[in-house]
């Protein structure tokens, strides 16, 4: 899965959780919480949806550092590049 596919999946899941956000004009570096009013439950639902869709586990210790679309895409992209044991 490439970066474009990951970004599309992240934006699609955000759109499902917060349909009032205009996905086409989202600032990838803006805080989802502060700029787009995603609350903690929305954030949890987003992480669960991404886990289900992409199979990427995002532990709480990492999730607290993921504030924007760019953060999520970077994090997930790195997980796809890591070799599996």
C-alpha atoms as a PDB file:
ATOM      1  CA  UNK A   1       0.000   0.000   0.000  1.00  0.00           C
ATOM      2  CA  UNK A   2       1.448   3.339  -1.003  1.00  0.00           C
ATOM      3  CA  UNK A   3       1.145   6.761   0.611  1.00  0.00           C
ATOM      4  CA  UNK A   4      -1.668   7.853  -1.718  1.00  0.00           C
ATOM      5  CA  UNK A   5      -3.741   4.788  -0.806  1.00  0.00           C
ATOM      6  CA  UNK A   6      -3.109   5.334   2.901  1.00  0.00           C
ATOM      7  CA  UNK A   7      -4.075   9.011   2.672  1.00  0.00           C
ATOM      8  CA  UNK A   8      -7.269   8.118   0.803  1.00  0.00           C
ATOM      9  CA  UNK A   9      -8.167   5.539   3.473  1.00  0.00           C
ATOM     10  CA  UNK A  10      -7.508   8.008   6.309  1.00  0.00           C
ATOM     11  CA  UNK A  11      -9.621  10.708   4.653  1.00  0.00           C
ATOM     12  CA  UNK A  12     -12.394   8.242   3.891  1.00  0.00           C
ATOM     13  CA  UNK A  13     -12.557   7.128   7.510  1.00  0.00           C
ATOM     14  CA  UNK A  14     -12.520  10.745   8.736  1.00  0.00           C
ATOM     15  CA  UNK A  15     -15.394  11.461   6.382  1.00  0.00           C
ATOM     16  CA  UNK A  16     -17.349   8.531   7.833  1.00  0.00           C
ATOM     17  CA  UNK A  17     -16.772   9.687  11.413  1.00  0.00           C
ATOM     18  CA  UNK A  18     -17.217  13.418  10.809  1.00  0.00           C
ATOM     19  CA  UNK A  19     -19.268  13.911   7.642  1.00  0.00           C
ATOM     20  CA  UNK A  20     -19.417  17.678   8.184  1.00  0.00           C
ATOM     21  CA  UNK A  21     -15.683  18.030   7.438  1.00  0.00           C
ATOM     22  CA  UNK A  22     -14.978  19.061   3.852  1.00  0.00           C
ATOM     23  CA  UNK A  23     -12.404  16.409   3.004  1.00  0.00           C
ATOM     24  CA  UNK A  24     -11.356  18.082  -0.259  1.00  0.00           C
ATOM     25  CA  UNK A  25     -10.168  21.165   1.593  1.00  0.00           C
ATOM     26  CA  UNK A  26      -8.663  19.550   4.681  1.00  0.00           C
ATOM     27  CA  UNK A  27      -5.275  20.858   5.799  1.00  0.00           C
ATOM     28  CA  UNK A  28      -3.163  17.726   6.276  1.00  0.00           C
ATOM     29  CA  UNK A  29      -1.045  19.372   8.950  1.00  0.00           C
ATOM     30  CA  UNK A  30      -3.865  20.915  10.976  1.00  0.00           C
ATOM     31  CA  UNK A  31      -4.855  19.367  14.273  1.00  0.00           C
ATOM     32  CA  UNK A  32      -7.899  17.153  13.800  1.00  0.00           C
ATOM     33  CA  UNK A  33      -8.975  17.956  17.327  1.00  0.00           C
ATOM     34  CA  UNK A  34      -8.449  21.716  17.315  1.00  0.00           C
ATOM     35  CA  UNK A  35      -9.139  22.621  13.693  1.00  0.00           C
ATOM     36  CA  UNK A  36     -11.840  20.075  12.878  1.00  0.00           C
ATOM     37  CA  UNK A  37     -13.368  19.469  16.319  1.00  0.00           C
ATOM     38  CA  UNK A  38     -12.806  15.718  16.498  1.00  0.00           C
ATOM     39  CA  UNK A  39     -13.287  14.788  20.134  1.00  0.00           C
ATOM     40  CA  UNK A  40     -11.615  11.908  21.951  1.00  0.00           C
ATOM     41  CA  UNK A  41     -14.383   9.458  21.009  1.00  0.00           C
ATOM     42  CA  UNK A  42     -14.105  10.471  17.345  1.00  0.00           C
ATOM     43  CA  UNK A  43     -10.333   9.957  17.543  1.00  0.00           C
ATOM     44  CA  UNK A  44     -10.779   6.519  19.085  1.00  0.00           C
ATOM     45  CA  UNK A  45     -13.336   5.588  16.417  1.00  0.00           C
ATOM     46  CA  UNK A  46     -10.932   6.776  13.724  1.00  0.00           C
ATOM     47  CA  UNK A  47      -8.094   4.649  15.070  1.00  0.00           C
ATOM     48  CA  UNK A  48     -10.356   1.612  15.335  1.00  0.00           C
ATOM     49  CA  UNK A  49     -11.647   2.138  11.798  1.00  0.00           C
ATOM     50  CA  UNK A  50      -8.096   2.434  10.456  1.00  0.00           C
ATOM     51  CA  UNK A  51      -7.093  -0.705  12.332  1.00  0.00           C
ATOM     52  CA  UNK A  52     -10.025  -2.611  10.852  1.00  0.00           C
ATOM     53  CA  UNK A  53      -9.518  -1.279   7.346  1.00  0.00           C
ATOM     54  CA  UNK A  54      -5.727  -1.367   7.129  1.00  0.00           C
ATOM     55  CA  UNK A  55      -4.774  -3.899   9.792  1.00  0.00           C
ATOM     56  CA  UNK A  56      -2.467  -1.431  11.526  1.00  0.00           C
ATOM     57  CA  UNK A  57      -2.424  -1.468  15.300  1.00  0.00           C
ATOM     58  CA  UNK A  58      -1.881   1.973  16.825  1.00  0.00           C
ATOM     59  CA  UNK A  59      -1.119   1.658  20.535  1.00  0.00           C
ATOM     60  CA  UNK A  60      -2.281   4.401  22.909  1.00  0.00           C
ATOM     61  CA  UNK A  61       1.338   5.393  23.519  1.00  0.00           C
ATOM     62  CA  UNK A  62       1.672   6.266  19.814  1.00  0.00           C
ATOM     63  CA  UNK A  63      -1.867   7.550  19.288  1.00  0.00           C
ATOM     64  CA  UNK A  64      -1.329  10.523  21.617  1.00  0.00           C
ATOM     65  CA  UNK A  65       1.260  11.882  19.152  1.00  0.00           C
ATOM     66  CA  UNK A  66      -0.916  11.587  16.052  1.00  0.00           C
ATOM     67  CA  UNK A  67      -2.681  14.917  15.676  1.00  0.00           C
ATOM     68  CA  UNK A  68      -3.135  15.423  11.943  1.00  0.00           C
ATOM     69  CA  UNK A  69      -3.809  13.572   8.721  1.00  0.00           C
ATOM     70  CA  UNK A  70      -0.112  13.868   7.885  1.00  0.00           C
ATOM     71  CA  UNK A  71       0.834  12.323  11.246  1.00  0.00           C
ATOM     72  CA  UNK A  72      -1.511   9.396  10.653  1.00  0.00           C
ATOM     73  CA  UNK A  73      -0.338   8.819   7.096  1.00  0.00           C
ATOM     74  CA  UNK A  74       3.348   8.974   8.118  1.00  0.00           C
ATOM     75  CA  UNK A  75       2.770   6.557  10.995  1.00  0.00           C
ATOM     76  CA  UNK A  76       0.805   4.043   8.936  1.00  0.00           C
ATOM     77  CA  UNK A  77       3.198   4.248   5.992  1.00  0.00           C
ATOM     78  CA  UNK A  78       6.114   3.360   8.282  1.00  0.00           C
ATOM     79  CA  UNK A  79       4.199   0.331   9.594  1.00  0.00           C
ATOM     80  CA  UNK A  80       3.694  -0.970   6.056  1.00  0.00           C
ATOM     81  CA  UNK A  81       7.421  -0.643   5.314  1.00  0.00           C
ATOM     82  CA  UNK A  82       8.542  -2.520   8.437  1.00  0.00           C
ATOM     83  CA  UNK A  83       9.430  -6.155   7.850  1.00  0.00           C
ATOM     84  CA  UNK A  84       7.205  -8.659   9.607  1.00  0.00           C
ATOM     85  CA  UNK A  85       8.603 -11.360  11.849  1.00  0.00           C
END
